[in-house]
Amino acid sequence: MKINSVIIDDEPLAREGIANYVREVDFLHLVDTVENPVELMSVLDKNAVDLLFLDIQMPKMNGIDFLKITQNPPMVIITTAYPSYALEGFRLNVLDYLLKPITFDRFLQASHKAKEYKQLLAKPTSATLDKNDDYFFVKCDNKYEKIYFADILYIQGMQNYVAIYTLKGKYVTLLTLKNIEENLNPHLFIRVHKSYIIAISKIDSVESHEIKIQSFNIPLSRNYREEVIKRVVDGKLWKK
């Protein structure tokens, strides 16, 4: 499996340094290097790109602004000298955040994360969840965490990860929301938004645009509201 990569950085030495790292990793293929996200647009139009090594501070458009306006970008690994953007980067669902000067070991670790995610996308049914089981395991950092279906409050999907909120806490793992949804019992869980699936039994209230579960307010999308009311409320609604 090859991962087609593009390096975006306005500094020639930085581009060359990352390019040399890419050439050392057998599963990475360098498609191109560009100076800013504006140049990147034409590369994306002409090539199948899986991964971006994206700098932040660049002329014309910085990396964070590019991520904010781009729908469904490739996987992104930030490469920057500025640690202050880390939180915002992860909110935009980047795979990893590398601080310059970047060591090869750290670069390789981030690249393997991209490889794992691409393999996950290539085999979306590979997870071993079973609707008839009481629990499943997910990998969180270097541990395998056991999660009981009955403990799940809701699941939030991000570009590269899902966050599973349970009675015991929050678990973040490298899975897709689609992958999770395919393995959940549809009588117990329902999608309420493109990025959220909730446990029906844990719902406390349903409002016009959100659902309350304990102290959490989960957005209810207009596209899913009718189905939610039909499945969750109508059969249990006491009327005069």
Protein backbone atom coordinates (compact mmCIF):
# COMPACT_ATOMS: atom_id res chain seq x y z
CA MET A 1 0.00 0.00 0.00
CA LYS A 2 1.40 3.35 -1.09
CA ILE A 3 0.36 6.64 0.48
CA ASN A 4 0.49 9.50 -2.02
CA SER A 5 1.86 12.54 -0.20
CA VAL A 6 2.29 16.25 -0.82
CA ILE A 7 4.50 18.62 1.17
CA ILE A 8 3.26 22.20 1.65
CA ASP A 9 5.86 24.58 3.09
CA ASP A 10 7.17 27.99 2.03
CA GLU A 11 10.72 27.21 3.20
CA PRO A 12 12.80 25.33 0.59
CA LEU A 13 15.05 23.69 3.20
CA ALA A 14 12.02 22.50 5.17
CA ARG A 15 10.44 21.04 2.02
CA GLU A 16 13.63 19.23 1.13
CA GLY A 17 14.12 17.91 4.65
CA ILE A 18 10.62 16.39 4.79
CA ALA A 19 11.00 15.12 1.22
CA ASN A 20 14.15 13.25 2.26
CA TYR A 21 12.22 11.67 5.14
CA VAL A 22 9.42 10.64 2.75
CA ARG A 23 11.95 8.92 0.48
CA GLU A 24 13.16 6.86 3.47
CA VAL A 25 9.70 5.42 4.20
CA ASP A 26 8.80 2.61 1.83
CA PHE A 27 5.02 3.09 1.99
CA LEU A 28 5.15 6.85 1.27
CA HIS A 29 5.17 8.23 -2.27
CA LEU A 30 5.96 11.89 -2.88
CA VAL A 31 3.57 13.33 -5.45
CA ASP A 32 4.74 16.95 -5.26
CA THR A 33 6.02 19.79 -3.07
CA VAL A 34 4.43 23.25 -3.10
CA GLU A 35 4.98 26.56 -1.34
CA ASN A 36 1.44 27.29 -0.13
CA PRO A 37 -2.14 25.94 -0.09
CA VAL A 38 -3.10 27.96 -3.17
CA GLU A 39 -0.60 25.96 -5.24
CA LEU A 40 -1.84 22.81 -3.55
CA MET A 41 -5.32 23.23 -5.04
CA SER A 42 -4.12 22.47 -8.56
CA VAL A 43 -2.15 19.46 -7.35
CA LEU A 44 -5.26 18.03 -5.68
CA ASP A 45 -7.26 18.58 -8.86
CA LYS A 46 -4.81 16.55 -10.94
CA ASN A 47 -3.68 13.81 -8.55
CA ALA A 48 -5.04 11.28 -6.07
CA VAL A 49 -3.52 12.52 -2.80
CA ASP A 50 -3.82 10.62 0.48
CA LEU A 51 -1.69 12.68 2.86
CA LEU A 52 -0.59 16.28 3.34
CA PHE A 53 2.46 17.39 5.31
CA LEU A 54 1.16 20.87 5.98
CA ASP A 55 3.01 23.89 7.37
CA ILE A 56 1.00 26.60 9.13
CA GLN A 57 2.73 29.95 8.64
CA MET A 58 2.81 30.53 4.87
CA PRO A 59 2.13 33.42 2.48
CA LYS A 60 -1.25 33.80 0.71
CA MET A 61 -3.00 31.35 3.04
CA ASN A 62 -1.89 29.64 6.24
CA GLY A 63 -2.43 25.96 6.92
CA ILE A 64 -5.14 26.41 9.55
CA ASP A 65 -7.23 28.62 7.25
CA PHE A 66 -6.84 26.06 4.48
CA LEU A 67 -8.24 23.31 6.71
CA LYS A 68 -11.16 25.49 7.80
CA ILE A 69 -12.37 26.12 4.25
CA THR A 70 -11.59 22.73 2.71
CA GLN A 71 -14.25 20.04 2.74
CA ASN A 72 -13.05 16.44 3.00
CA PRO A 73 -9.31 17.12 2.75
CA PRO A 74 -6.81 14.24 2.59
CA MET A 75 -5.19 13.06 5.81
CA VAL A 76 -3.16 15.89 7.32
CA ILE A 77 0.00 15.92 9.40
CA ILE A 78 0.92 19.42 10.56
CA THR A 79 4.62 20.35 10.33
CA THR A 80 5.36 23.64 12.05
CA ALA A 81 7.65 25.54 14.39
CA TYR A 82 4.64 26.95 16.31
CA PRO A 83 3.24 24.80 19.15
CA SER A 84 0.43 27.28 19.88
CA TYR A 85 -1.70 25.96 17.01
CA ALA A 86 -1.79 22.36 18.26
CA LEU A 87 -5.23 22.49 19.88
CA GLU A 88 -6.83 24.17 16.90
CA GLY A 89 -5.16 21.68 14.58
CA PHE A 90 -6.58 18.69 16.42
CA ARG A 91 -10.01 20.33 16.48
CA LEU A 92 -9.73 20.30 12.70
CA ASN A 93 -9.04 16.56 12.84
CA VAL A 94 -5.40 16.47 11.80
CA LEU A 95 -3.71 13.09 12.22
CA ASP A 96 -0.64 14.42 13.99
CA TYR A 97 1.23 17.60 14.87
CA LEU A 98 5.00 17.65 14.30
CA LEU A 99 7.13 20.44 15.72
CA LYS A 100 10.21 21.57 13.83
CA PRO A 101 12.98 20.55 13.92
CA ILE A 102 11.34 17.20 13.18
CA THR A 103 13.26 14.04 14.02
CA PHE A 104 12.99 11.06 11.72
CA ASP A 105 11.66 8.86 14.54
CA ARG A 106 8.81 11.29 15.18
CA PHE A 107 8.13 11.59 11.45
CA LEU A 108 8.01 7.81 11.10
CA GLN A 109 5.58 7.51 14.00
CA ALA A 110 3.20 10.00 12.37
CA SER A 111 3.54 8.26 9.00
CA HIS A 112 2.58 4.91 10.51
CA LYS A 113 -0.49 6.55 11.99
CA ALA A 114 -1.46 7.63 8.46
CA LYS A 115 -0.83 4.10 7.18
CA GLU A 116 -3.08 2.59 9.86
CA TYR A 117 -5.84 5.04 9.05
CA LYS A 118 -5.66 4.38 5.30
CA GLN A 119 -5.83 0.64 5.95
CA LEU A 120 -8.89 1.22 8.10
CA LEU A 121 -10.59 3.16 5.30
CA ALA A 122 -9.69 0.45 2.79
CA LYS A 123 -11.35 -2.21 4.97
CA PRO A 124 -14.28 -0.46 6.64
CA THR A 125 -15.81 -3.72 7.84
CA SER A 126 -12.66 -5.04 9.47
CA ALA A 127 -13.63 -4.13 13.04
CA THR A 128 -14.73 -7.10 15.16
CA LEU A 129 -17.76 -5.51 16.81
CA ASP A 130 -20.70 -7.89 17.18
CA LYS A 131 -24.28 -6.73 17.75
CA ASN A 132 -24.93 -9.81 19.89
CA ASP A 133 -22.03 -9.24 22.27
CA ASP A 134 -22.23 -7.19 25.44
CA TYR A 135 -18.93 -5.41 24.85
CA PHE A 136 -16.12 -4.70 22.43
CA PHE A 137 -12.54 -3.44 22.60
CA VAL A 138 -11.01 -0.32 21.03
CA LYS A 139 -7.39 0.74 20.85
CA CYS A 140 -6.69 4.00 22.69
CA ASP A 141 -3.06 5.08 22.44
CA ASN A 142 -1.16 1.97 23.56
CA LYS A 143 -4.01 0.26 25.41
CA TYR A 144 -7.02 -1.84 24.47
CA GLU A 145 -10.07 -0.52 26.32
CA LYS A 146 -13.14 -2.66 27.00
CA ILE A 147 -16.44 -0.86 26.38
CA TYR A 148 -19.89 -2.21 27.21
CA PHE A 149 -22.64 -1.32 24.76
CA ALA A 150 -24.94 -0.61 27.71
CA ASP A 151 -22.51 2.06 28.99
CA ILE A 152 -22.42 4.11 25.78
CA LEU A 153 -24.06 7.54 25.93
CA TYR A 154 -23.16 8.76 22.47
CA ILE A 155 -20.44 8.60 19.82
CA GLN A 156 -18.95 11.59 18.04
CA GLY A 157 -17.29 11.13 14.67
CA MET A 158 -14.33 13.20 13.56
CA GLN A 159 -12.44 12.97 10.29
CA ASN A 160 -9.91 10.44 11.51
CA TYR A 161 -11.23 9.32 14.88
CA VAL A 162 -14.32 8.66 16.93
CA ALA A 163 -14.87 9.72 20.53
CA ILE A 164 -17.01 7.25 22.46
CA TYR A 165 -18.65 8.83 25.51
CA THR A 166 -19.69 6.32 28.16
CA LEU A 167 -20.86 6.21 31.76
CA LYS A 168 -17.23 5.61 32.71
CA GLY A 169 -15.56 8.23 30.54
CA LYS A 170 -14.46 9.22 27.06
CA TYR A 171 -12.49 6.95 24.70
CA VAL A 172 -10.85 8.27 21.51
CA THR A 173 -9.87 5.71 18.90
CA LEU A 174 -8.82 5.45 15.25
CA LEU A 175 -12.12 4.28 13.73
CA THR A 176 -14.70 5.80 11.41
CA LEU A 177 -18.25 6.63 12.48
CA LYS A 178 -19.55 4.57 9.56
CA ASN A 179 -17.57 1.57 10.78
CA ILE A 180 -19.01 1.94 14.26
CA GLU A 181 -22.58 2.44 13.01
CA GLU A 182 -22.47 -0.73 10.91
CA ASN A 183 -21.77 -2.76 14.04
CA LEU A 184 -24.25 -1.18 16.43
CA ASN A 185 -27.70 -2.60 17.13
CA PRO A 186 -30.07 -0.25 15.24
CA HIS A 187 -32.79 -0.86 17.85
CA LEU A 188 -30.54 0.59 20.55
CA PHE A 189 -28.67 3.35 18.73
CA ILE A 190 -29.68 6.05 16.27
CA ARG A 191 -27.83 8.63 14.20
CA VAL A 192 -29.00 12.16 14.97
CA HIS A 193 -26.43 14.16 13.03
CA LYS A 194 -23.77 13.45 10.42
CA SER A 195 -21.23 13.39 13.26
CA TYR A 196 -23.24 11.87 16.13
CA ILE A 197 -24.82 8.54 17.07
CA ILE A 198 -26.64 8.26 20.40
CA ALA A 199 -27.93 5.51 22.67
CA ILE A 200 -31.73 5.72 22.55
CA SER A 201 -32.18 4.58 26.15
CA LYS A 202 -29.92 7.36 27.45
CA ILE A 203 -31.96 10.24 25.98
CA ASP A 204 -33.31 12.64 28.61
CA SER A 205 -35.05 15.11 26.31
CA VAL A 206 -35.49 16.00 22.64
CA GLU A 207 -35.71 19.62 21.54
CA SER A 208 -36.00 21.16 18.10
CA HIS A 209 -32.26 21.25 17.41
CA GLU A 210 -30.61 19.21 20.15
CA ILE A 211 -30.87 16.16 22.35
CA LYS A 212 -29.93 16.16 26.02
CA ILE A 213 -28.15 13.18 27.58
CA GLN A 214 -27.12 13.83 31.16
CA SER A 215 -25.05 17.05 30.99
CA PHE A 216 -24.35 16.70 27.26
CA ASN A 217 -26.16 18.62 24.52
CA ILE A 218 -25.94 16.73 21.23
CA PRO A 219 -26.94 18.55 18.03
CA LEU A 220 -30.01 17.20 16.22
CA SER A 221 -29.77 17.74 12.47
CA ARG A 222 -32.81 18.72 10.46
CA ASN A 223 -32.14 15.76 8.16
CA TYR A 224 -32.47 13.28 11.04
CA ARG A 225 -35.11 14.98 13.21
CA GLU A 226 -38.18 13.33 11.64
CA GLU A 227 -36.69 9.84 12.01
CA VAL A 228 -35.65 10.55 15.60
CA ILE A 229 -39.14 11.74 16.58
CA LYS A 230 -40.71 8.74 14.86
CA ARG A 231 -38.47 6.14 16.46
CA VAL A 232 -37.75 7.69 19.84
CA VAL A 233 -40.77 9.79 20.81
CA ASP A 234 -43.95 8.80 18.96
CA GLY A 235 -44.31 5.28 20.38
CA LYS A 236 -43.78 6.52 23.94
CA LEU A 237 -45.68 9.80 23.81
CA TRP A 238 -48.64 10.17 26.18
CA LYS A 239 -51.37 12.27 24.61
CA LYS A 240 -54.55 13.81 25.89
